[in-house]
Each structure stands twice: as structure tokens, then as C-alpha cells.
PDB file of N, CA and C in Angstrom:
ATOM      1  N   MET A   1      -2.710  12.935  -4.251  1.00  0.00           N
ATOM      2  CA  MET A   1      -2.968  12.638  -2.850  1.00  0.00           C
ATOM      3  C   MET A   1      -2.403  11.260  -2.580  1.00  0.00           C
ATOM      4  N   ASN A   2      -1.696  11.083  -1.440  1.00  0.00           N
ATOM      5  CA  ASN A   2      -1.123   9.860  -1.034  1.00  0.00           C
ATOM      6  C   ASN A   2      -1.584   9.491   0.288  1.00  0.00           C
ATOM      7  N   PHE A   3      -1.880   8.219   0.478  1.00  0.00           N
ATOM      8  CA  PHE A   3      -2.201   7.657   1.802  1.00  0.00           C
ATOM      9  C   PHE A   3      -0.932   6.919   2.156  1.00  0.00           C
ATOM     10  N   SER A   4      -0.199   7.349   3.287  1.00  0.00           N
ATOM     11  CA  SER A   4       1.090   6.763   3.525  1.00  0.00           C
ATOM     12  C   SER A   4       1.182   6.468   5.068  1.00  0.00           C
ATOM     13  N   PRO A   5       0.605   5.266   5.411  1.00  0.00           N
ATOM     14  CA  PRO A   5       0.691   4.915   6.842  1.00  0.00           C
ATOM     15  C   PRO A   5       2.122   4.459   7.204  1.00  0.00           C
ATOM     16  N   THR A   6       2.594   4.829   8.376  1.00  0.00           N
ATOM     17  CA  THR A   6       3.875   4.416   8.838  1.00  0.00           C
ATOM     18  C   THR A   6       3.706   3.505  10.017  1.00  0.00           C
ATOM     19  N   PHE A   7       4.393   2.371   9.929  1.00  0.00           N
ATOM     20  CA  PHE A   7       4.292   1.399  11.050  1.00  0.00           C
ATOM     21  C   PHE A   7       5.657   1.512  11.746  1.00  0.00           C
ATOM     22  N   LEU A   8       5.534   1.927  13.026  1.00  0.00           N
ATOM     23  CA  LEU A   8       6.736   2.244  13.809  1.00  0.00           C
ATOM     24  C   LEU A   8       7.142   1.130  14.825  1.00  0.00           C
ATOM     25  N   ARG A   9       8.413   1.013  14.947  1.00  0.00           N
ATOM     26  CA  ARG A   9       8.976   0.233  16.040  1.00  0.00           C
ATOM     27  C   ARG A   9       8.717  -1.160  16.079  1.00  0.00           C
ATOM     28  N   TYR A  10       8.935  -1.825  14.935  1.00  0.00           N
ATOM     29  CA  TYR A  10       8.770  -3.341  15.027  1.00  0.00           C
ATOM     30  C   TYR A  10      10.076  -3.800  15.690  1.00  0.00           C
ATOM     31  N   LYS A  11       9.930  -4.848  16.488  1.00  0.00           N
ATOM     32  CA  LYS A  11      11.091  -5.413  17.191  1.00  0.00           C
ATOM     33  C   LYS A  11      11.827  -6.464  16.296  1.00  0.00           C
ATOM     34  N   LYS A  12      13.114  -6.402  16.374  1.00  0.00           N
ATOM     35  CA  LYS A  12      13.867  -7.339  15.690  1.00  0.00           C
ATOM     36  C   LYS A  12      15.124  -7.689  16.543  1.00  0.00           C
ATOM     37  N   ASN A  13      15.324  -8.973  16.811  1.00  0.00           N
ATOM     38  CA  ASN A  13      16.404  -9.463  17.608  1.00  0.00           C
ATOM     39  C   ASN A  13      16.556  -8.661  18.956  1.00  0.00           C
ATOM     40  N   GLY A  14      15.530  -8.796  19.725  1.00  0.00           N
ATOM     41  CA  GLY A  14      15.540  -8.248  21.071  1.00  0.00           C
ATOM     42  C   GLY A  14      15.153  -6.718  21.036  1.00  0.00           C
ATOM     43  N   LEU A  15      16.204  -5.837  21.267  1.00  0.00           N
ATOM     44  CA  LEU A  15      15.933  -4.528  21.384  1.00  0.00           C
ATOM     45  C   LEU A  15      15.992  -3.718  20.046  1.00  0.00           C
ATOM     46  N   ALA A  16      16.565  -4.289  18.931  1.00  0.00           N
ATOM     47  CA  ALA A  16      16.657  -3.685  17.735  1.00  0.00           C
ATOM     48  C   ALA A  16      15.223  -3.416  17.113  1.00  0.00           C
ATOM     49  N   THR A  17      15.020  -2.198  16.539  1.00  0.00           N
ATOM     50  CA  THR A  17      13.696  -1.899  15.977  1.00  0.00           C
ATOM     51  C   THR A  17      13.789  -1.468  14.581  1.00  0.00           C
ATOM     52  N   PHE A  18      12.759  -1.475  13.790  1.00  0.00           N
ATOM     53  CA  PHE A  18      12.700  -0.781  12.443  1.00  0.00           C
ATOM     54  C   PHE A  18      11.333  -0.262  12.213  1.00  0.00           C
ATOM     55  N   ASP A  19      11.278   0.628  11.372  1.00  0.00           N
ATOM     56  CA  ASP A  19      10.009   1.278  10.889  1.00  0.00           C
ATOM     57  C   ASP A  19       9.731   0.793   9.430  1.00  0.00           C
ATOM     58  N   LEU A  20       8.497   0.958   9.082  1.00  0.00           N
ATOM     59  CA  LEU A  20       8.068   0.479   7.721  1.00  0.00           C
ATOM     60  C   LEU A  20       7.048   1.581   7.217  1.00  0.00           C
ATOM     61  N   ASN A  21       7.272   2.022   5.991  1.00  0.00           N
ATOM     62  CA  ASN A  21       6.375   2.952   5.301  1.00  0.00           C
ATOM     63  C   ASN A  21       5.761   2.183   4.047  1.00  0.00           C
ATOM     64  N   SER A  22       4.501   2.486   3.837  1.00  0.00           N
ATOM     65  CA  SER A  22       3.847   1.916   2.693  1.00  0.00           C
ATOM     66  C   SER A  22       2.970   3.033   2.097  1.00  0.00           C
ATOM     67  N   MET A  23       2.773   3.096   0.796  1.00  0.00           N
ATOM     68  CA  MET A  23       1.991   4.140   0.226  1.00  0.00           C
ATOM     69  C   MET A  23       0.945   3.617  -0.825  1.00  0.00           C
ATOM     70  N   ILE A  24      -0.310   4.197  -0.571  1.00  0.00           N
ATOM     71  CA  ILE A  24      -1.325   4.016  -1.626  1.00  0.00           C
ATOM     72  C   ILE A  24      -1.455   5.339  -2.241  1.00  0.00           C
ATOM     73  N   LYS A  25      -1.361   5.356  -3.618  1.00  0.00           N
ATOM     74  CA  LYS A  25      -1.464   6.705  -4.334  1.00  0.00           C
ATOM     75  C   LYS A  25      -2.766   6.878  -4.952  1.00  0.00           C
ATOM     76  N   ILE A  26      -3.374   8.024  -4.821  1.00  0.00           N
ATOM     77  CA  ILE A  26      -4.691   8.366  -5.463  1.00  0.00           C
ATOM     78  C   ILE A  26      -4.362   9.645  -6.261  1.00  0.00           C
ATOM     79  N   LYS A  27      -4.348   9.482  -7.653  1.00  0.00           N
ATOM     80  CA  LYS A  27      -4.037  10.593  -8.513  1.00  0.00           C
ATOM     81  C   LYS A  27      -5.431  11.188  -8.945  1.00  0.00           C
ATOM     82  N   LEU A  28      -5.658  12.460  -8.747  1.00  0.00           N
ATOM     83  CA  LEU A  28      -6.846  13.024  -9.173  1.00  0.00           C
ATOM     84  C   LEU A  28      -6.604  13.811 -10.531  1.00  0.00           C
ATOM     85  N   ASN A  29      -7.157  13.211 -11.560  1.00  0.00           N
ATOM     86  CA  ASN A  29      -7.045  13.754 -12.925  1.00  0.00           C
ATOM     87  C   ASN A  29      -8.287  14.709 -13.269  1.00  0.00           C
ATOM     88  N   THR A  30      -8.322  15.200 -14.359  1.00  0.00           N
ATOM     89  CA  THR A  30      -9.453  16.075 -14.756  1.00  0.00           C
ATOM     90  C   THR A  30     -10.778  15.293 -14.818  1.00  0.00           C
ATOM     91  N   PHE A  31     -10.783  14.130 -15.367  1.00  0.00           N
ATOM     92  CA  PHE A  31     -12.058  13.327 -15.452  1.00  0.00           C
ATOM     93  C   PHE A  31     -12.068  12.028 -14.776  1.00  0.00           C
ATOM     94  N   GLN A  32     -10.919  11.718 -14.150  1.00  0.00           N
ATOM     95  CA  GLN A  32     -10.884  10.358 -13.457  1.00  0.00           C
ATOM     96  C   GLN A  32      -9.915  10.438 -12.287  1.00  0.00           C
ATOM     97  N   TYR A  33     -10.049   9.397 -11.470  1.00  0.00           N
ATOM     98  CA  TYR A  33      -9.047   9.194 -10.343  1.00  0.00           C
ATOM     99  C   TYR A  33      -8.415   7.802 -10.639  1.00  0.00           C
ATOM    100  N   VAL A  34      -7.112   7.738 -10.276  1.00  0.00           N
ATOM    101  CA  VAL A  34      -6.359   6.480 -10.394  1.00  0.00           C
ATOM    102  C   VAL A  34      -5.785   6.108  -9.052  1.00  0.00           C
ATOM    103  N   ILE A  35      -5.899   4.838  -8.705  1.00  0.00           N
ATOM    104  CA  ILE A  35      -5.405   4.324  -7.439  1.00  0.00           C
ATOM    105  C   ILE A  35      -4.317   3.218  -7.768  1.00  0.00           C
ATOM    106  N   THR A  36      -3.177   3.450  -7.233  1.00  0.00           N
ATOM    107  CA  THR A  36      -2.111   2.498  -7.233  1.00  0.00           C
ATOM    108  C   THR A  36      -1.449   2.345  -5.921  1.00  0.00           C
ATOM    109  N   ILE A  37      -0.721   1.171  -5.764  1.00  0.00           N
ATOM    110  CA  ILE A  37       0.041   0.886  -4.588  1.00  0.00           C
ATOM    111  C   ILE A  37       1.519   1.032  -4.980  1.00  0.00           C
ATOM    112  N   ALA A  38       2.181   1.906  -4.245  1.00  0.00           N
ATOM    113  CA  ALA A  38       3.572   2.249  -4.544  1.00  0.00           C
ATOM    114  C   ALA A  38       4.367   0.887  -4.574  1.00  0.00           C
ATOM    115  N   GLY A  39       5.123   0.520  -5.604  1.00  0.00           N
ATOM    116  CA  GLY A  39       5.912  -0.718  -5.659  1.00  0.00           C
ATOM    117  C   GLY A  39       5.142  -1.822  -6.275  1.00  0.00           C
ATOM    118  N   ASN A  40       3.868  -1.709  -6.612  1.00  0.00           N
ATOM    119  CA  ASN A  40       3.086  -2.733  -7.173  1.00  0.00           C
ATOM    120  C   ASN A  40       2.669  -2.259  -8.610  1.00  0.00           C
ATOM    121  N   LYS A  41       3.380  -2.695  -9.562  1.00  0.00           N
ATOM    122  CA  LYS A  41       3.222  -2.355 -11.056  1.00  0.00           C
ATOM    123  C   LYS A  41       1.924  -2.880 -11.610  1.00  0.00           C
ATOM    124  N   ASP A  42       1.351  -3.921 -10.978  1.00  0.00           N
ATOM    125  CA  ASP A  42       0.232  -4.617 -11.589  1.00  0.00           C
ATOM    126  C   ASP A  42      -1.042  -4.036 -11.085  1.00  0.00           C
ATOM    127  N   LEU A  43      -1.090  -3.333  -9.988  1.00  0.00           N
ATOM    128  CA  LEU A  43      -2.375  -2.757  -9.575  1.00  0.00           C
ATOM    129  C   LEU A  43      -2.526  -1.357  -9.953  1.00  0.00           C
ATOM    130  N   LYS A  44      -3.477  -1.086 -10.761  1.00  0.00           N
ATOM    131  CA  LYS A  44      -3.880   0.316 -11.273  1.00  0.00           C
ATOM    132  C   LYS A  44      -5.258   0.365 -11.535  1.00  0.00           C
ATOM    133  N   ILE A  45      -6.058   1.126 -10.757  1.00  0.00           N
ATOM    134  CA  ILE A  45      -7.448   1.208 -10.989  1.00  0.00           C
ATOM    135  C   ILE A  45      -7.815   2.534 -11.343  1.00  0.00           C
ATOM    136  N   SER A  46      -8.467   2.747 -12.502  1.00  0.00           N
ATOM    137  CA  SER A  46      -8.897   4.102 -12.958  1.00  0.00           C
ATOM    138  C   SER A  46     -10.426   4.089 -12.973  1.00  0.00           C
ATOM    139  N   LYS A  47     -11.000   5.174 -12.552  1.00  0.00           N
ATOM    140  CA  LYS A  47     -12.500   5.353 -12.510  1.00  0.00           C
ATOM    141  C   LYS A  47     -12.749   6.741 -12.763  1.00  0.00           C
ATOM    142  N   THR A  48     -13.948   6.993 -13.369  1.00  0.00           N
ATOM    143  CA  THR A  48     -14.449   8.360 -13.530  1.00  0.00           C
ATOM    144  C   THR A  48     -14.980   8.736 -12.168  1.00  0.00           C
ATOM    145  N   TYR A  49     -15.182  10.016 -11.963  1.00  0.00           N
ATOM    146  CA  TYR A  49     -15.595  10.534 -10.607  1.00  0.00           C
ATOM    147  C   TYR A  49     -16.962   9.960 -10.210  1.00  0.00           C
ATOM    148  N   ILE A  50     -17.765   9.674 -11.201  1.00  0.00           N
ATOM    149  CA  ILE A  50     -19.139   9.083 -10.846  1.00  0.00           C
ATOM    150  C   ILE A  50     -19.193   7.670 -10.537  1.00  0.00           C
ATOM    151  N   GLU A  51     -17.970   6.949 -10.756  1.00  0.00           N
ATOM    152  CA  GLU A  51     -17.907   5.543 -10.590  1.00  0.00           C
ATOM    153  C   GLU A  51     -17.373   5.276  -9.202  1.00  0.00           C
ATOM    154  N   LYS A  52     -17.997   4.418  -8.408  1.00  0.00           N
ATOM    155  CA  LYS A  52     -17.548   3.955  -7.113  1.00  0.00           C
ATOM    156  C   LYS A  52     -16.647   2.756  -7.322  1.00  0.00           C
ATOM    157  N   LEU A  53     -15.759   2.441  -6.397  1.00  0.00           N
ATOM    158  CA  LEU A  53     -14.988   1.215  -6.408  1.00  0.00           C
ATOM    159  C   LEU A  53     -16.053   0.146  -6.063  1.00  0.00           C
ATOM    160  N   THR A  54     -15.842  -1.047  -6.715  1.00  0.00           N
ATOM    161  CA  THR A  54     -16.614  -2.193  -6.419  1.00  0.00           C
ATOM    162  C   THR A  54     -16.079  -2.889  -5.194  1.00  0.00           C
ATOM    163  N   ASP A  55     -16.886  -3.742  -4.636  1.00  0.00           N
ATOM    164  CA  ASP A  55     -16.435  -4.480  -3.468  1.00  0.00           C
ATOM    165  C   ASP A  55     -15.217  -5.275  -3.840  1.00  0.00           C
ATOM    166  N   GLN A  56     -15.160  -5.899  -4.967  1.00  0.00           N
ATOM    167  CA  GLN A  56     -14.035  -6.680  -5.452  1.00  0.00           C
ATOM    168  C   GLN A  56     -12.722  -5.750  -5.574  1.00  0.00           C
ATOM    169  N   GLU A  57     -12.865  -4.643  -6.092  1.00  0.00           N
ATOM    170  CA  GLU A  57     -11.760  -3.668  -6.301  1.00  0.00           C
ATOM    171  C   GLU A  57     -11.257  -3.264  -4.903  1.00  0.00           C
ATOM    172  N   ILE A  58     -12.120  -3.009  -3.978  1.00  0.00           N
ATOM    173  CA  ILE A  58     -11.645  -2.692  -2.612  1.00  0.00           C
ATOM    174  C   ILE A  58     -10.930  -3.784  -1.941  1.00  0.00           C
ATOM    175  N   GLU A  59     -11.507  -5.039  -2.141  1.00  0.00           N
ATOM    176  CA  GLU A  59     -10.835  -6.239  -1.618  1.00  0.00           C
ATOM    177  C   GLU A  59      -9.474  -6.424  -2.222  1.00  0.00           C
ATOM    178  N   THR A  60      -9.349  -6.136  -3.540  1.00  0.00           N
ATOM    179  CA  THR A  60      -8.054  -6.300  -4.215  1.00  0.00           C
ATOM    180  C   THR A  60      -7.043  -5.227  -3.647  1.00  0.00           C
ATOM    181  N   ILE A  61      -7.454  -4.127  -3.569  1.00  0.00           N
ATOM    182  CA  ILE A  61      -6.483  -3.093  -2.983  1.00  0.00           C
ATOM    183  C   ILE A  61      -6.035  -3.488  -1.618  1.00  0.00           C
ATOM    184  N   VAL A  62      -6.958  -3.842  -0.711  1.00  0.00           N
ATOM    185  CA  VAL A  62      -6.617  -4.152   0.602  1.00  0.00           C
ATOM    186  C   VAL A  62      -5.737  -5.352   0.757  1.00  0.00           C
ATOM    187  N   ASN A  63      -6.069  -6.390  -0.152  1.00  0.00           N
ATOM    188  CA  ASN A  63      -5.229  -7.618  -0.108  1.00  0.00           C
ATOM    189  C   ASN A  63      -3.811  -7.386  -0.656  1.00  0.00           C
ATOM    190  N   GLU A  64      -3.763  -6.607  -1.704  1.00  0.00           N
ATOM    191  CA  GLU A  64      -2.415  -6.365  -2.290  1.00  0.00           C
ATOM    192  C   GLU A  64      -1.567  -5.494  -1.392  1.00  0.00           C
ATOM    193  N   TRP A  65      -2.190  -4.531  -0.754  1.00  0.00           N
ATOM    194  CA  TRP A  65      -1.443  -3.594   0.078  1.00  0.00           C
ATOM    195  C   TRP A  65      -0.980  -4.422   1.340  1.00  0.00           C
ATOM    196  N   GLY A  66      -1.849  -5.241   1.860  1.00  0.00           N
ATOM    197  CA  GLY A  66      -1.553  -6.035   3.042  1.00  0.00           C
ATOM    198  C   GLY A  66      -0.403  -7.014   2.782  1.00  0.00           C
ATOM    199  N   LYS A  67      -0.445  -7.633   1.590  1.00  0.00           N
ATOM    200  CA  LYS A  67       0.624  -8.537   1.089  1.00  0.00           C
ATOM    201  C   LYS A  67       1.931  -7.825   1.030  1.00  0.00           C
ATOM    202  N   GLN A  68       1.906  -6.574   0.471  1.00  0.00           N
ATOM    203  CA  GLN A  68       3.171  -5.810   0.395  1.00  0.00           C
ATOM    204  C   GLN A  68       3.711  -5.499   1.697  1.00  0.00           C
ATOM    205  N   VAL A  69       2.845  -5.036   2.610  1.00  0.00           N
ATOM    206  CA  VAL A  69       3.340  -4.793   3.998  1.00  0.00           C
ATOM    207  C   VAL A  69       4.014  -5.961   4.653  1.00  0.00           C
ATOM    208  N   VAL A  70       3.324  -7.157   4.578  1.00  0.00           N
ATOM    209  CA  VAL A  70       3.870  -8.344   5.177  1.00  0.00           C
ATOM    210  C   VAL A  70       5.126  -8.790   4.586  1.00  0.00           C
ATOM    211  N   ASP A  71       5.211  -8.648   3.157  1.00  0.00           N
ATOM    212  CA  ASP A  71       6.513  -8.894   2.518  1.00  0.00           C
ATOM    213  C   ASP A  71       7.602  -8.035   3.014  1.00  0.00           C
ATOM    214  N   GLU A  72       7.420  -6.751   3.125  1.00  0.00           N
ATOM    215  CA  GLU A  72       8.381  -5.744   3.599  1.00  0.00           C
ATOM    216  C   GLU A  72       8.867  -6.036   4.968  1.00  0.00           C
ATOM    217  N   ILE A  73       7.863  -6.471   5.944  1.00  0.00           N
ATOM    218  CA  ILE A  73       8.245  -6.866   7.192  1.00  0.00           C
ATOM    219  C   ILE A  73       9.214  -8.054   7.202  1.00  0.00           C
ATOM    220  N   LYS A  74       8.766  -9.068   6.429  1.00  0.00           N
ATOM    221  CA  LYS A  74       9.680 -10.236   6.257  1.00  0.00           C
ATOM    222  C   LYS A  74      11.100  -9.953   5.798  1.00  0.00           C
ATOM    223  N   LYS A  75      11.158  -9.070   4.836  1.00  0.00           N
ATOM    224  CA  LYS A  75      12.430  -8.641   4.266  1.00  0.00           C
ATOM    225  C   LYS A  75      13.379  -7.988   5.308  1.00  0.00           C
ATOM    226  N   LYS A  76      12.725  -7.113   6.109  1.00  0.00           N
ATOM    227  CA  LYS A  76      13.398  -6.396   7.140  1.00  0.00           C
ATOM    228  C   LYS A  76      13.832  -7.285   8.304  1.00  0.00           C
ATOM    229  N   LEU A  77      13.037  -8.291   8.568  1.00  0.00           N
ATOM    230  CA  LEU A  77      13.395  -9.216   9.621  1.00  0.00           C
ATOM    231  C   LEU A  77      14.575 -10.194   9.176  1.00  0.00           C
ATOM    232  N   ILE A  78      14.681 -10.412   7.926  1.00  0.00           N
ATOM    233  CA  ILE A  78      15.762 -11.314   7.459  1.00  0.00           C
ATOM    234  C   ILE A  78      17.078 -10.556   7.317  1.00  0.00           C
ATOM    235  N   LYS A  79      16.907  -9.176   6.979  1.00  0.00           N
ATOM    236  CA  LYS A  79      18.258  -8.420   6.859  1.00  0.00           C
ATOM    237  C   LYS A  79      18.990  -8.348   8.233  1.00  0.00           C
ATOM    238  N   ASN A  80      20.240  -8.297   8.073  1.00  0.00           N
ATOM    239  CA  ASN A  80      21.122  -8.211   9.312  1.00  0.00           C
ATOM    240  C   ASN A  80      21.255  -6.795   9.716  1.00  0.00           C
TER     241      ASN A  80
END
């Protein structure tokens, strides 16, 4: 299962626009689920199905995903 929001039509240099895709992957295994953010090799959270994410884990996922989105926007704005 993948959560893949698409951010559409960011403006660059007046009328030029670009889109941005980012993906949070949730892999459902036999006894556990694994959450990763595409492109972030450091973030991998594995839990059994009876375990909930902690507040700290949720905060880490949101912060890392947000940082990745902002970094991608900056890269696209710098590209010609």
C-alpha cells in the first residue's frame, strides 16, 4: 500500500509550473507492517499488527516526509 500525494502546479518564474510527487510506503507483511518514505533510506519503522505507532514515530514520519517535500520543491525551483 502506498500513500502518494501529488502537489500540483507550483509556480516557477512567472507562468512556468511544476508538479511534485512524494510517497510514503506501507508494506503489509504476514506478521508486521513496515513504513518507509520513498527516497529516505534512513527511515524504516517496523511494527507488529498489535503495536501502534508512538507519538514520536508519527512526528518523525511527518517531519522527515515534510523535509523531503520541501527539499524537492527547492531543487525544482533551482533547476532551469
